[in-house]
Amino acid sequence: MTTQDFEEAVADALDDVPAELLGLMDNVVFLVEDEPPSDDPEMLGVYEGTPLTERHDGWAAGALPDRITIFKGPTLRMCQSREEVLDEVAITVVHEIAHHFGIDDRRLSELGWD
C-alpha cells in the first residue's frame, strides 16, 4: 500500500466517524507518519494533547492543536490484506479520538476497542 493509499484510508476512516462526534472535537489535527518512535516500534497510533476532560476555561488561548498520528509501517506489517489495513486504520482512528475525549486504554478495552 502506498503512502497515498494509506492516507486515503485514514481519511475514509475519519469520514466514517459521525459528524456529531467530529463536531465536538476541538483543536485537533490528524497526521500520518511512516514509523512510530523507536521506543515503541509496534505503536499504530498516538494521541498527543490535553483531553477535553482536562481542559478548563481559557485553556485554548494560544494552545497548539492536539495531534492524532496514525503510523503506516506497523499497521502494514501486522495486516495481511488491504481489508485488514482498512479495518485496523478505522479502529486506530476511533481509539485515538477516544483519548481526545478522555477515555483511557482500560475503558477502551472494556468497550472492546483494544
Protein backbone atom coordinates (compact mmCIF):
# COMPACT_ATOMS: atom_id res chain seq x y z
CA MET A 1 0.00 0.00 0.00
CA THR A 2 1.40 3.36 -0.97
CA THR A 3 1.58 6.32 1.36
CA GLN A 4 -1.20 7.99 -0.62
CA ASP A 5 -3.39 4.87 -0.28
CA PHE A 6 -2.73 4.78 3.46
CA GLU A 7 -3.54 8.49 3.84
CA GLU A 8 -6.78 7.88 1.95
CA ALA A 9 -7.59 5.00 4.32
CA VAL A 10 -7.17 7.38 7.27
CA ALA A 11 -9.35 10.00 5.54
CA ASP A 12 -12.01 7.36 4.84
CA ALA A 13 -11.92 6.27 8.50
CA LEU A 14 -12.46 9.88 9.54
CA ASP A 15 -15.36 10.17 7.08
CA ASP A 16 -16.98 7.21 8.86
CA VAL A 17 -16.87 8.93 12.26
CA PRO A 18 -20.28 10.50 12.95
CA ALA A 19 -20.30 14.22 12.14
CA GLU A 20 -21.81 14.97 15.54
CA LEU A 21 -18.78 13.41 17.23
CA LEU A 22 -16.27 15.18 15.00
CA GLY A 23 -18.11 18.42 15.70
CA LEU A 24 -17.37 18.00 19.41
CA MET A 25 -13.64 17.71 18.80
CA ASP A 26 -11.67 20.85 19.46
CA ASN A 27 -8.25 21.96 18.23
CA VAL A 28 -7.06 18.60 16.80
CA VAL A 29 -5.02 17.73 13.70
CA PHE A 30 -4.68 14.28 12.16
CA LEU A 31 -1.33 13.17 10.76
CA VAL A 32 0.11 10.12 9.06
CA GLU A 33 3.73 9.15 9.65
CA ASP A 34 5.71 6.18 8.40
CA GLU A 35 7.04 4.93 11.74
CA PRO A 36 6.39 5.49 15.44
CA PRO A 37 9.13 6.43 17.91
CA SER A 38 11.87 3.80 18.16
CA ASP A 39 10.98 3.03 21.78
CA ASP A 40 7.56 1.65 20.68
CA PRO A 41 8.00 0.28 17.13
CA GLU A 42 4.63 -1.51 17.08
CA MET A 43 2.51 1.53 18.03
CA LEU A 44 -0.27 2.03 15.49
CA GLY A 45 -1.38 5.49 16.58
CA VAL A 46 -0.93 8.09 19.27
CA TYR A 47 -2.89 10.98 20.73
CA GLU A 48 -0.78 13.88 21.98
CA GLY A 49 -2.53 16.71 23.72
CA THR A 50 -4.88 17.63 26.51
CA PRO A 51 -8.09 15.58 26.60
CA LEU A 52 -11.32 17.54 26.67
CA THR A 53 -12.00 16.23 30.18
CA GLU A 54 -8.87 18.00 31.46
CA ARG A 55 -9.38 21.37 29.80
CA HIS A 56 -10.60 24.38 31.74
CA ASP A 57 -11.89 27.84 30.86
CA GLY A 58 -9.33 29.79 28.91
CA TRP A 59 -7.31 26.65 28.19
CA ALA A 60 -7.16 27.00 24.41
CA ALA A 61 -5.86 30.56 24.31
CA GLY A 62 -2.67 30.19 22.30
CA ALA A 63 -2.55 26.38 22.60
CA LEU A 64 -1.12 24.35 19.75
CA PRO A 65 -3.51 21.78 18.31
CA ASP A 66 -3.68 18.31 19.79
CA ARG A 67 -2.22 15.70 17.43
CA ILE A 68 -3.52 12.32 16.41
CA THR A 69 -0.90 10.44 14.43
CA ILE A 70 -1.52 7.15 12.63
CA PHE A 71 1.58 5.10 11.78
CA LYS A 72 1.76 3.36 8.42
CA GLY A 73 4.67 0.96 8.96
CA PRO A 74 3.46 -1.08 11.93
CA THR A 75 -0.09 -1.16 10.55
CA LEU A 76 1.07 -2.61 7.24
CA ARG A 77 3.38 -5.10 8.96
CA MET A 78 0.60 -6.51 11.16
CA CYS A 79 -2.03 -6.79 8.43
CA GLN A 80 -2.17 -9.46 5.73
CA SER A 81 -4.58 -7.78 3.32
CA ARG A 82 -5.88 -4.40 2.23
CA GLU A 83 -9.16 -5.11 4.04
CA GLU A 84 -7.30 -5.79 7.29
CA VAL A 85 -5.42 -2.49 6.87
CA LEU A 86 -8.67 -0.59 6.35
CA ASP A 87 -10.25 -2.23 9.40
CA GLU A 88 -7.20 -1.60 11.59
CA VAL A 89 -6.93 2.03 10.49
CA ALA A 90 -10.61 2.57 11.34
CA ILE A 91 -10.13 1.00 14.79
CA THR A 92 -6.98 3.04 15.44
CA VAL A 93 -8.63 6.31 14.41
CA VAL A 94 -11.57 5.69 16.78
CA HIS A 95 -9.19 4.61 19.55
CA GLU A 96 -7.16 7.83 19.33
CA ILE A 97 -10.26 10.01 19.05
CA ALA A 98 -11.49 8.38 22.25
CA HIS A 99 -8.32 9.55 24.01
CA HIS A 100 -9.15 13.12 22.93
CA PHE A 101 -12.44 12.69 24.79
CA GLY A 102 -10.63 11.46 27.90
CA ILE A 103 -11.31 7.74 27.52
CA ASP A 104 -8.29 5.74 28.68
CA ASP A 105 -6.96 2.40 27.40
CA ARG A 106 -8.55 0.43 30.26
CA ARG A 107 -12.02 1.73 29.43
CA LEU A 108 -11.45 1.23 25.70
CA SER A 109 -10.53 -2.38 26.42
CA GLU A 110 -13.70 -2.82 28.47
CA LEU A 111 -15.66 -1.48 25.48
CA GLY A 112 -13.90 -3.89 23.10
CA TRP A 113 -11.69 -1.31 21.36
CA ASP A 114 -8.29 -2.81 22.15
